[in-house]
Amino acid sequence: MSDRTLYDKVWERHRVRELPNGQDQLFIGTHLIHEVTSPQPFAELRERGINVAFPERNVATTDHIIPTDPETRDDRPLADDSAEQMLSALEQNTEEAGITFYGLNSDRQGIAHVMGPDVGATQPGTTIVCGDSHTATHGAFGAVAFGIGTSQVRDVLASGCVAADKSDVRRVEVTGELPDGTVAKDVILRIIGDLGVDGGVGYAYEYGGPTIARMAMEGRMAVCNMSIEGGARVGYINPDETTYEYLRGREFVPEGQEFDERKTYWESVGSDDDAVYDDVVEVDVDGLAPMVTWGTTPGQVAPVDEPVPAPADLPADEREAAAAAQDHTQVTPGEPIAGHPIDVAFIGTCTNGRASDFRQAAAVVEDREVADDVRALAVPGSTTVKRTLEEEGVDRVFRDAGWEWREAGCSMCLAMNDDALRGDERCASSSNRNYVGRQGSKDGRTFLMSPAMVAAAAVEGAVADVREFDTGGALR
């Protein structure tokens, strides 16, 4: 009887051979490309006279450096010289190699980890890589997906393979009923808070349990997206009917009999009922409150209505980092983070830049206004998401409330364009990282939370508990 995990099955089916250094040569089913980590690999191939091995297995987009301001979106050359060089290189490289590229004028352009699922390039039972650390997002579909470095981008382009070490597998069993006002972002922040930012080192995380099974695909993507913040390069969820229905009808997904045949394969790769794991942990989310980070890592997090811990009350090995983080963020130990003032509100990113994220936030925003002196940015994760929301009128809800409604891109998540914090601004953000300088200013302060919580903070001008807002049941 088989006792393998999905990770075991997918790895074995894509393993080419063992390399002399003990690593496995792993065949890659889908390679996602963006403008920041691809110019050098393409240049190296050109210098060596090597062609891209499998152009049809590569899909490219532009996301990190592009302007999201509608006023400057289409201006070429881009105002930033290095950004223009990266974008121009990607345009040239993909055209020469015959790689599908969703550029600035494409109706499919977007953040790689939003665009891939949008078009159905992300599918179960395969291996997916990208020169970006949040590639684990695609594991929500039952894929083994992980970020790679620039030299590995070169290897995938040249051979369709990478050299990789297989990880152990930890099953993260999530149980309990999520209360109103708490969503997938709160679940992953809770997991990271419990297991730590280094807890997943050496592991692939398999998320499961009844709470995960009840999540829609967009929530599952948010959970898997932040696996890397918990130290795990890979995070995945076994595919099920929710997965298959999401994929049906998308551009890269076959139809009719071929879809049924593909589905049979997808069903076969799920972890066996008696799968053997290297570790199992249970996280109970019954009664979970919305989570907000108080420090400079996603693991420095607490429920919005509970006191921020004093460094002295933490384990000895965490005290120094906690004290430094609180000195930076200027939170008050012993008091809840609710009420802590903010200057900027940002909704978007590969974590929370999907349609459901904006719909939930819109339920908070509607008929309310952004607080005085708060700058609020709503940045859809892809052109597909943006178009969907505009067809529904969601953009008007944000605009009427005083938000800036932007074009698709990574934006203020990492501030590689003009979307950045200024000075010591405090930002309520739906992004994934909050280390010092992440959003473009070494003095800026980032507080991670769900999109609906960001919306509530924008209204109040301070961190607020979204459960106190009447949203008509939109956050159930």
Protein backbone atom coordinates (compact mmCIF):
# COMPACT_ATOMS: atom_id res chain seq x y z
CA MET A 1 0.00 0.00 0.00
CA SER A 2 1.28 3.45 -0.89
CA ASP A 3 2.03 5.81 1.98
CA ARG A 4 3.42 8.80 0.08
CA THR A 5 2.72 12.50 0.25
CA LEU A 6 1.93 14.66 -2.76
CA TYR A 7 5.41 16.11 -2.39
CA ASP A 8 6.93 12.61 -2.65
CA LYS A 9 4.88 11.71 -5.72
CA VAL A 10 5.48 14.91 -7.68
CA TRP A 11 9.18 14.95 -6.82
CA GLU A 12 9.65 11.34 -7.93
CA ARG A 13 7.79 11.87 -11.20
CA HIS A 14 9.98 14.86 -12.05
CA ARG A 15 13.30 13.52 -10.78
CA VAL A 16 15.66 12.89 -13.69
CA ARG A 17 18.65 11.47 -11.80
CA GLU A 18 20.90 11.92 -8.82
CA LEU A 19 23.76 14.32 -9.51
CA PRO A 20 27.36 13.67 -8.45
CA ASN A 21 27.01 16.20 -5.60
CA GLY A 22 24.09 14.25 -4.13
CA GLN A 23 21.37 16.64 -5.28
CA ASP A 24 18.55 15.61 -7.60
CA GLN A 25 18.19 16.88 -11.13
CA LEU A 26 14.55 17.93 -11.17
CA PHE A 27 12.58 18.54 -14.35
CA ILE A 28 10.49 21.71 -14.22
CA GLY A 29 6.98 21.68 -15.65
CA THR A 30 6.36 25.45 -15.61
CA HIS A 31 8.80 28.34 -15.29
CA LEU A 32 7.43 31.80 -14.55
CA ILE A 33 9.63 34.73 -15.56
CA HIS A 34 9.67 38.40 -14.59
CA GLU A 35 11.92 41.31 -15.44
CA VAL A 36 14.16 41.50 -12.35
CA THR A 37 15.80 38.06 -12.20
CA SER A 38 15.90 37.19 -15.92
CA PRO A 39 18.21 39.62 -17.82
CA GLN A 40 21.46 38.03 -16.64
CA PRO A 41 20.40 34.40 -17.29
CA PHE A 42 19.26 35.24 -20.83
CA ALA A 43 22.53 37.14 -21.42
CA GLU A 44 24.57 34.13 -20.27
CA LEU A 45 22.70 31.83 -22.65
CA ARG A 46 23.28 34.25 -25.49
CA GLU A 47 27.01 34.45 -24.73
CA ARG A 48 27.26 30.66 -24.81
CA GLY A 49 25.10 30.21 -27.89
CA ILE A 50 22.48 28.19 -25.98
CA ASN A 51 18.79 28.31 -26.90
CA VAL A 52 15.93 28.11 -24.42
CA ALA A 53 15.21 24.39 -24.09
CA PHE A 54 11.43 24.44 -23.70
CA PRO A 55 9.95 27.83 -24.64
CA GLU A 56 6.43 26.46 -24.27
CA ARG A 57 7.04 25.70 -20.59
CA ASN A 58 7.92 29.31 -19.83
CA VAL A 59 5.47 32.15 -19.19
CA ALA A 60 6.66 35.71 -18.60
CA THR A 61 5.16 38.88 -17.22
CA THR A 62 6.33 42.23 -15.88
CA ASP A 63 5.48 43.09 -12.31
CA HIS A 64 8.19 44.24 -9.90
CA ILE A 65 9.35 47.53 -11.41
CA ILE A 66 6.45 48.80 -13.48
CA PRO A 67 4.58 51.99 -12.56
CA THR A 68 1.08 51.46 -11.17
CA ASP A 69 0.08 55.13 -11.43
CA PRO A 70 -2.39 55.38 -14.37
CA GLU A 71 -0.88 58.75 -15.26
CA THR A 72 2.57 57.31 -16.00
CA ARG A 73 1.81 53.68 -16.70
CA ASP A 74 2.32 53.80 -20.46
CA ASP A 75 5.24 56.27 -20.55
CA ARG A 76 8.26 54.78 -22.30
CA PRO A 77 11.07 54.82 -21.60
CA LEU A 78 10.30 54.27 -17.94
CA ALA A 79 11.45 57.12 -15.71
CA ASP A 80 13.88 54.80 -13.88
CA ASP A 81 16.75 53.85 -16.21
CA SER A 82 17.45 50.48 -14.60
CA ALA A 83 13.74 49.58 -14.70
CA GLU A 84 13.60 50.46 -18.40
CA GLN A 85 16.66 48.32 -19.09
CA MET A 86 15.11 45.33 -17.30
CA LEU A 87 11.78 45.68 -19.07
CA SER A 88 13.37 46.18 -22.49
CA ALA A 89 15.57 43.14 -21.93
CA LEU A 90 12.56 40.99 -21.05
CA GLU A 91 10.66 42.17 -24.11
CA GLN A 92 13.60 41.32 -26.36
CA ASN A 93 14.48 38.03 -24.69
CA THR A 94 10.98 36.58 -24.73
CA GLU A 95 10.42 37.59 -28.34
CA GLU A 96 13.67 35.99 -29.49
CA ALA A 97 13.01 32.80 -27.53
CA GLY A 98 9.35 32.49 -28.51
CA ILE A 99 8.15 32.67 -24.89
CA THR A 100 4.64 33.82 -24.03
CA PHE A 101 4.97 37.30 -22.51
CA TYR A 102 2.23 39.33 -20.86
CA GLY A 103 3.67 42.82 -21.17
CA LEU A 104 2.46 46.26 -20.18
CA ASN A 105 -0.21 46.34 -22.87
CA SER A 106 -1.44 42.80 -22.32
CA ASP A 107 -4.84 42.10 -20.80
CA ARG A 108 -3.18 39.26 -18.83
CA GLN A 109 -0.28 41.23 -17.30
CA GLY A 110 0.13 40.99 -13.57
CA ILE A 111 2.19 39.77 -10.65
CA ALA A 112 3.59 36.38 -11.65
CA HIS A 113 1.90 34.61 -8.75
CA VAL A 114 -1.48 36.14 -9.59
CA MET A 115 -1.17 35.93 -13.38
CA GLY A 116 -0.16 32.23 -13.37
CA PRO A 117 -3.39 31.06 -11.69
CA ASP A 118 -5.41 33.62 -13.69
CA VAL A 119 -4.49 31.99 -17.00
CA GLY A 120 -4.38 28.40 -15.71
CA ALA A 121 -0.61 28.02 -16.15
CA THR A 122 -0.61 26.84 -12.53
CA GLN A 123 -1.84 23.26 -12.33
CA PRO A 124 -1.67 20.33 -9.88
CA GLY A 125 0.90 17.57 -9.98
CA THR A 126 3.71 19.52 -11.57
CA THR A 127 6.82 21.43 -10.57
CA ILE A 128 6.78 25.22 -10.82
CA VAL A 129 9.66 27.64 -10.30
CA CYS A 130 10.23 31.36 -10.60
CA GLY A 131 13.05 33.72 -9.69
CA ASP A 132 10.97 34.98 -6.79
CA SER A 133 10.72 33.74 -3.21
CA HIS A 134 6.90 33.68 -3.12
CA THR A 135 6.57 30.97 -5.75
CA ALA A 136 5.14 28.65 -3.08
CA THR A 137 1.84 30.43 -3.83
CA HIS A 138 1.24 27.94 -6.65
CA GLY A 139 1.39 25.06 -4.19
CA ALA A 140 -2.22 25.91 -3.37
CA PHE A 141 -3.12 23.92 -6.50
CA GLY A 142 -1.22 20.81 -5.48
CA ALA A 143 2.03 21.67 -7.22
CA VAL A 144 5.57 21.55 -5.87
CA ALA A 145 6.49 25.19 -6.36
CA PHE A 146 9.50 27.11 -5.07
CA GLY A 147 11.60 30.18 -5.72
CA ILE A 148 15.00 29.92 -7.38
CA GLY A 149 18.08 32.12 -7.73
CA THR A 150 19.41 33.80 -10.85
CA SER A 151 21.84 30.99 -11.72
CA GLN A 152 19.00 28.47 -11.45
CA VAL A 153 16.85 30.62 -13.75
CA ARG A 154 19.66 30.20 -16.27
CA ASP A 155 19.69 26.43 -15.72
CA VAL A 156 15.94 26.10 -16.24
CA LEU A 157 16.06 28.17 -19.41
CA ALA A 158 18.96 26.11 -20.75
CA SER A 159 17.89 22.61 -19.72
CA GLY A 160 14.40 22.67 -18.23
CA CYS A 161 15.88 21.37 -14.96
CA VAL A 162 17.33 22.51 -11.65
CA ALA A 163 19.59 20.87 -9.12
CA ALA A 164 17.65 20.61 -5.87
CA ASP A 165 17.61 19.01 -2.45
CA LYS A 166 14.47 17.21 -1.37
CA SER A 167 12.96 18.48 1.88
CA ASP A 168 11.23 16.72 4.72
CA VAL A 169 7.46 17.19 4.87
CA ARG A 170 5.57 18.70 7.77
CA ARG A 171 1.79 18.35 7.85
CA VAL A 172 0.16 21.52 9.23
CA GLU A 173 -3.33 20.43 10.27
CA VAL A 174 -5.59 23.46 10.63
CA THR A 175 -8.77 22.82 12.61
CA GLY A 176 -11.64 24.92 13.86
CA GLU A 177 -14.21 27.31 12.44
CA LEU A 178 -12.95 30.72 11.40
CA PRO A 179 -15.02 33.42 13.14
CA ASP A 180 -16.53 36.32 11.20
CA GLY A 181 -13.88 38.87 10.36
CA THR A 182 -10.97 36.43 10.15
CA VAL A 183 -9.69 35.10 6.85
CA ALA A 184 -6.86 33.08 5.32
CA LYS A 185 -4.28 35.84 5.96
CA ASP A 186 -5.02 35.60 9.67
CA VAL A 187 -4.54 31.82 9.52
CA ILE A 188 -1.07 32.00 7.97
CA LEU A 189 0.01 34.78 10.32
CA ARG A 190 -1.12 32.62 13.22
CA ILE A 191 0.82 29.62 11.85
CA ILE A 192 3.99 31.70 11.45
CA GLY A 193 3.49 33.18 14.89
CA ASP A 194 3.20 29.69 16.38
CA LEU A 195 5.97 27.92 14.44
CA GLY A 196 8.34 30.85 13.91
CA VAL A 197 9.99 32.43 10.89
CA ASP A 198 12.64 29.68 10.91
CA GLY A 199 10.30 26.85 11.90
CA GLY A 200 9.92 25.59 8.36
CA VAL A 201 13.60 25.48 7.44
CA GLY A 202 14.28 22.10 5.84
CA TYR A 203 10.57 21.35 5.46
CA ALA A 204 7.92 21.46 2.80
CA TYR A 205 4.63 22.41 4.47
CA GLU A 206 1.52 20.45 3.58
CA TYR A 207 -1.47 22.49 4.77
CA GLY A 208 -4.59 20.49 5.44
CA GLY A 209 -7.48 19.90 7.80
CA PRO A 210 -11.10 21.03 7.73
CA THR A 211 -10.33 24.76 7.87
CA ILE A 212 -8.15 24.57 4.77
CA ALA A 213 -10.67 22.32 2.98
CA ARG A 214 -13.36 24.99 3.42
CA MET A 215 -11.20 27.74 1.92
CA ALA A 216 -11.73 28.98 -1.63
CA MET A 217 -8.70 28.92 -3.93
CA GLU A 218 -7.80 32.55 -3.33
CA GLY A 219 -7.56 31.95 0.41
CA ARG A 220 -5.47 28.85 -0.15
CA MET A 221 -3.08 30.87 -2.30
CA ALA A 222 -2.68 33.44 0.48
CA VAL A 223 -1.75 30.67 2.93
CA CYS A 224 0.78 29.00 0.64
CA ASN A 225 2.21 32.35 -0.46
CA MET A 226 3.67 33.10 2.97
CA SER A 227 5.26 29.67 3.51
CA ILE A 228 8.63 31.28 2.86
CA GLU A 229 7.98 33.75 5.69
CA GLY A 230 7.73 30.70 7.93
CA GLY A 231 11.03 29.32 6.65
CA ALA A 232 9.59 26.73 4.21
CA ARG A 233 10.45 27.12 0.52
CA VAL A 234 7.53 24.87 -0.43
CA GLY A 235 3.97 25.01 0.85
CA TYR A 236 1.13 23.09 -0.76
CA ILE A 237 -2.45 21.90 -0.43
CA ASN A 238 -3.80 18.67 -1.88
CA PRO A 239 -6.03 19.32 -4.91
CA ASP A 240 -9.76 18.71 -4.68
CA GLU A 241 -12.99 19.69 -6.44
CA THR A 242 -12.48 23.31 -5.39
CA THR A 243 -9.18 23.24 -7.28
CA TYR A 244 -10.58 21.60 -10.40
CA GLU A 245 -13.55 23.94 -10.68
CA TYR A 246 -11.28 26.96 -10.35
CA LEU A 247 -9.13 25.69 -13.23
CA ARG A 248 -11.96 24.73 -15.58
CA GLY A 249 -12.16 27.01 -18.62
CA ARG A 250 -8.88 28.87 -18.12
CA GLU A 251 -6.55 29.61 -21.00
CA PHE A 252 -3.85 26.99 -20.38
CA VAL A 253 -6.27 24.31 -19.17
CA PRO A 254 -7.58 21.70 -21.64
CA GLU A 255 -11.29 21.16 -22.17
CA GLY A 256 -13.62 18.20 -22.60
CA GLN A 257 -12.13 14.72 -22.53
CA GLU A 258 -8.60 16.03 -22.16
CA PHE A 259 -9.66 17.93 -19.04
CA ASP A 260 -11.15 14.74 -17.60
CA GLU A 261 -7.94 12.85 -18.34
CA ARG A 262 -5.85 15.58 -16.77
CA LYS A 263 -8.13 15.58 -13.73
CA THR A 264 -7.59 11.85 -13.29
CA TYR A 265 -3.87 12.52 -13.03
CA TRP A 266 -4.41 15.44 -10.66
CA GLU A 267 -6.46 13.23 -8.36
CA SER A 268 -3.73 10.60 -8.33
CA VAL A 269 -1.04 12.91 -6.93
CA GLY A 270 -2.78 13.79 -3.67
CA SER A 271 -1.23 12.54 -0.46
CA ASP A 272 -2.33 9.03 0.45
CA ASP A 273 -4.66 8.60 3.41
CA ASP A 274 -1.87 6.79 5.22
CA ALA A 275 0.89 9.12 4.04
CA VAL A 276 3.91 9.25 6.34
CA TYR A 277 5.08 12.72 7.39
CA ASP A 278 8.33 13.76 9.02
CA ASP A 279 6.40 15.98 11.41
CA VAL A 280 2.78 16.87 12.15
CA VAL A 281 1.51 19.96 13.97
CA GLU A 282 -2.04 21.07 14.68
CA VAL A 283 -3.20 24.69 14.70
CA ASP A 284 -6.67 25.33 16.14
CA VAL A 285 -8.23 28.55 14.79
CA ASP A 286 -11.49 28.39 16.73
CA GLY A 287 -12.05 31.90 18.08
CA LEU A 288 -9.10 33.32 16.13
CA ALA A 289 -9.08 37.13 16.09
CA PRO A 290 -7.70 39.21 13.20
CA MET A 291 -3.90 39.15 13.37
CA VAL A 292 -1.55 42.15 13.08
CA THR A 293 2.24 42.22 13.15
CA TRP A 294 3.80 44.47 15.79
CA GLY A 295 7.46 44.05 14.84
CA THR A 296 9.75 43.61 11.87
CA THR A 297 9.10 39.96 11.01
CA PRO A 298 5.81 38.18 10.22
CA GLY A 299 6.42 36.03 13.30
CA GLN A 300 6.18 39.06 15.57
CA VAL A 301 2.40 39.04 15.46
CA ALA A 302 -0.56 39.15 17.84
CA PRO A 303 -4.37 39.23 17.74
CA VAL A 304 -5.58 42.80 17.24
CA ASP A 305 -7.34 42.84 20.61
CA GLU A 306 -4.57 41.29 22.70
CA PRO A 307 -1.59 43.09 24.28
CA VAL A 308 1.66 43.42 22.39
CA PRO A 309 4.11 41.25 24.34
CA ALA A 310 6.87 42.81 26.41
CA PRO A 311 10.30 41.51 25.32
CA ALA A 312 10.96 40.28 28.84
CA ASP A 313 7.95 37.97 28.58
CA LEU A 314 9.25 36.24 25.45
CA PRO A 315 11.70 33.32 25.26
CA ALA A 316 15.26 34.44 25.94
CA ASP A 317 16.41 33.98 22.36
CA GLU A 318 13.66 36.31 21.08
CA ARG A 319 14.01 39.21 23.51
CA GLU A 320 16.76 41.23 21.85
CA ALA A 321 15.11 41.10 18.41
CA ALA A 322 11.73 41.98 19.91
CA ALA A 323 13.12 44.99 21.74
CA ALA A 324 14.82 46.25 18.58
CA ALA A 325 11.64 45.70 16.56
CA GLN A 326 9.48 47.58 19.05
CA ASP A 327 11.96 50.42 19.15
CA HIS A 328 11.56 50.66 15.37
CA THR A 329 7.77 50.32 15.17
CA GLN A 330 7.13 52.36 18.34
CA VAL A 331 4.36 50.08 19.57
CA THR A 332 3.60 49.95 23.28
CA PRO A 333 4.15 46.60 25.04
CA GLY A 334 1.26 45.59 27.23
CA GLU A 335 -1.34 47.37 25.11
CA PRO A 336 -3.28 46.02 22.10
CA ILE A 337 -2.06 47.23 18.74
CA ALA A 338 -5.60 48.41 17.97
CA GLY A 339 -5.51 52.18 17.97
CA HIS A 340 -1.91 52.46 16.79
CA PRO A 341 -1.95 55.28 14.19
CA ILE A 342 -1.18 54.76 10.50
CA ASP A 343 -0.27 57.10 7.64
CA VAL A 344 -0.60 54.76 4.65
CA ALA A 345 -2.99 51.94 3.73
CA PHE A 346 -1.97 49.49 1.00
CA ILE A 347 -4.01 46.62 -0.46
CA GLY A 348 -2.45 44.42 -3.13
CA THR A 349 0.51 42.04 -3.72
CA CYS A 350 0.84 38.36 -4.59
CA THR A 351 -0.47 37.57 -1.12
CA ASN A 352 -3.68 39.57 -1.18
CA GLY A 353 -4.14 41.18 -4.58
CA ARG A 354 -6.96 38.97 -5.86
CA ALA A 355 -10.60 39.78 -6.53
CA SER A 356 -11.97 38.37 -3.28
CA ASP A 357 -9.46 40.42 -1.29
CA PHE A 358 -10.77 43.65 -2.78
CA ARG A 359 -14.39 42.57 -2.47
CA GLN A 360 -13.93 41.95 1.25
CA ALA A 361 -12.13 45.26 1.72
CA ALA A 362 -14.82 47.06 -0.30
CA ALA A 363 -17.44 45.85 2.19
CA VAL A 364 -15.56 47.84 4.83
CA VAL A 365 -14.82 50.82 2.57
CA GLU A 366 -18.34 51.29 1.18
CA ASP A 367 -20.10 54.46 2.39
CA ARG A 368 -17.05 55.37 4.47
CA GLU A 369 -14.11 57.66 3.74
CA VAL A 370 -10.37 57.40 4.19
CA ALA A 371 -9.32 59.24 7.33
CA ASP A 372 -7.68 62.63 7.00
CA ASP A 373 -3.93 62.48 6.34
CA VAL A 374 -4.04 58.80 5.31
CA ARG A 375 -2.74 57.89 1.86
CA ALA A 376 -4.59 54.79 0.59
CA LEU A 377 -3.56 52.67 -2.42
CA ALA A 378 -5.57 49.82 -3.96
CA VAL A 379 -3.41 47.90 -6.44
CA PRO A 380 -4.96 44.83 -8.14
CA GLY A 381 -2.60 41.89 -8.57
CA SER A 382 -3.27 41.53 -12.29
CA THR A 383 -5.02 43.18 -15.18
CA THR A 384 -7.50 40.31 -15.11
CA VAL A 385 -8.33 41.03 -11.46
CA LYS A 386 -8.57 44.76 -12.16
CA ARG A 387 -10.92 44.25 -15.10
CA THR A 388 -13.14 41.89 -13.09
CA LEU A 389 -13.43 44.35 -10.22
CA GLU A 390 -14.15 47.26 -12.51
CA GLU A 391 -16.90 45.31 -14.22
CA GLU A 392 -18.41 44.76 -10.76
CA GLY A 393 -18.05 48.43 -9.80
CA VAL A 394 -15.67 47.67 -6.93
CA ASP A 395 -13.24 50.31 -8.17
CA ARG A 396 -15.89 53.01 -7.72
CA VAL A 397 -16.35 52.00 -4.09
CA PHE A 398 -12.66 52.61 -3.46
CA ARG A 399 -12.47 55.80 -5.52
CA ASP A 400 -15.53 57.29 -3.83
CA ALA A 401 -13.95 56.62 -0.44
CA GLY A 402 -10.73 58.43 -1.35
CA TRP A 403 -8.50 55.55 -2.38
CA GLU A 404 -6.08 55.65 -5.31
CA TRP A 405 -7.14 52.92 -7.74
CA ARG A 406 -3.97 51.75 -9.47
CA GLU A 407 -2.80 49.59 -12.37
CA ALA A 408 -1.59 46.05 -11.71
CA GLY A 409 1.86 45.42 -10.28
CA CYS A 410 3.91 44.61 -7.20
CA SER A 411 3.78 48.25 -6.12
CA MET A 412 4.43 49.10 -2.48
CA CYS A 413 5.14 45.51 -1.47
CA LEU A 414 8.84 46.07 -2.19
CA ALA A 415 8.84 49.64 -3.56
CA MET A 416 10.86 49.07 -6.73
CA ASN A 417 8.87 51.87 -8.36
CA ASP A 418 7.49 55.17 -7.06
CA ASP A 419 5.05 53.43 -4.68
CA ALA A 420 7.05 53.73 -1.48
CA LEU A 421 6.85 54.87 2.10
CA ARG A 422 8.23 58.32 2.86
CA GLY A 423 10.30 58.92 5.94
CA ASP A 424 8.91 57.23 9.04
CA GLU A 425 5.39 56.63 7.71
CA ARG A 426 3.39 53.81 9.28
CA CYS A 427 1.69 51.49 6.79
CA ALA A 428 -1.19 49.08 7.24
CA SER A 429 -0.34 46.59 4.51
CA SER A 430 -1.80 43.39 3.05
CA SER A 431 1.68 42.38 1.88
CA ASN A 432 3.91 39.59 3.16
CA ARG A 433 7.05 41.18 4.61
CA ASN A 434 7.67 43.91 7.14
CA TYR A 435 11.42 44.01 7.65
CA VAL A 436 13.12 47.39 7.98
CA GLY A 437 13.25 49.15 4.61
CA ARG A 438 11.00 46.66 2.79
CA GLN A 439 8.56 49.31 1.58
CA GLY A 440 11.19 51.77 0.40
CA SER A 441 12.19 53.74 3.50
CA LYS A 442 14.61 52.63 6.22
CA ASP A 443 12.53 54.56 8.71
CA GLY A 444 9.16 53.33 7.42
CA ARG A 445 7.09 50.95 9.56
CA THR A 446 4.95 48.16 8.13
CA PHE A 447 2.10 46.38 9.91
CA LEU A 448 0.88 43.25 8.12
CA MET A 449 -2.82 42.33 8.22
CA SER A 450 -5.68 41.17 6.00
CA PRO A 451 -7.10 43.43 3.27
CA ALA A 452 -10.29 44.04 5.25
CA MET A 453 -8.21 45.03 8.25
CA VAL A 454 -6.22 47.43 6.06
CA ALA A 455 -9.51 48.96 4.91
CA ALA A 456 -10.65 49.37 8.51
CA ALA A 457 -7.35 51.04 9.41
CA ALA A 458 -7.72 53.44 6.48
CA VAL A 459 -11.15 54.49 7.73
CA GLU A 460 -10.04 54.95 11.34
CA GLY A 461 -6.56 56.34 10.67
CA ALA A 462 -5.29 53.68 13.06
CA VAL A 463 -5.18 49.90 13.39
CA ALA A 464 -8.80 48.84 13.95
CA ASP A 465 -10.72 45.64 14.60
CA VAL A 466 -12.71 44.89 11.44
CA ARG A 467 -15.17 42.85 13.50
CA GLU A 468 -16.55 46.13 14.80
CA PHE A 469 -17.60 47.16 11.27
CA ASP A 470 -20.91 46.18 9.72
CA THR A 471 -19.95 44.47 6.46
CA GLY A 472 -23.21 42.69 5.72
CA GLY A 473 -21.66 39.27 6.26
CA ALA A 474 -18.97 39.78 3.61
CA LEU A 475 -16.24 38.48 5.91
CA ARG A 476 -17.83 35.16 6.85
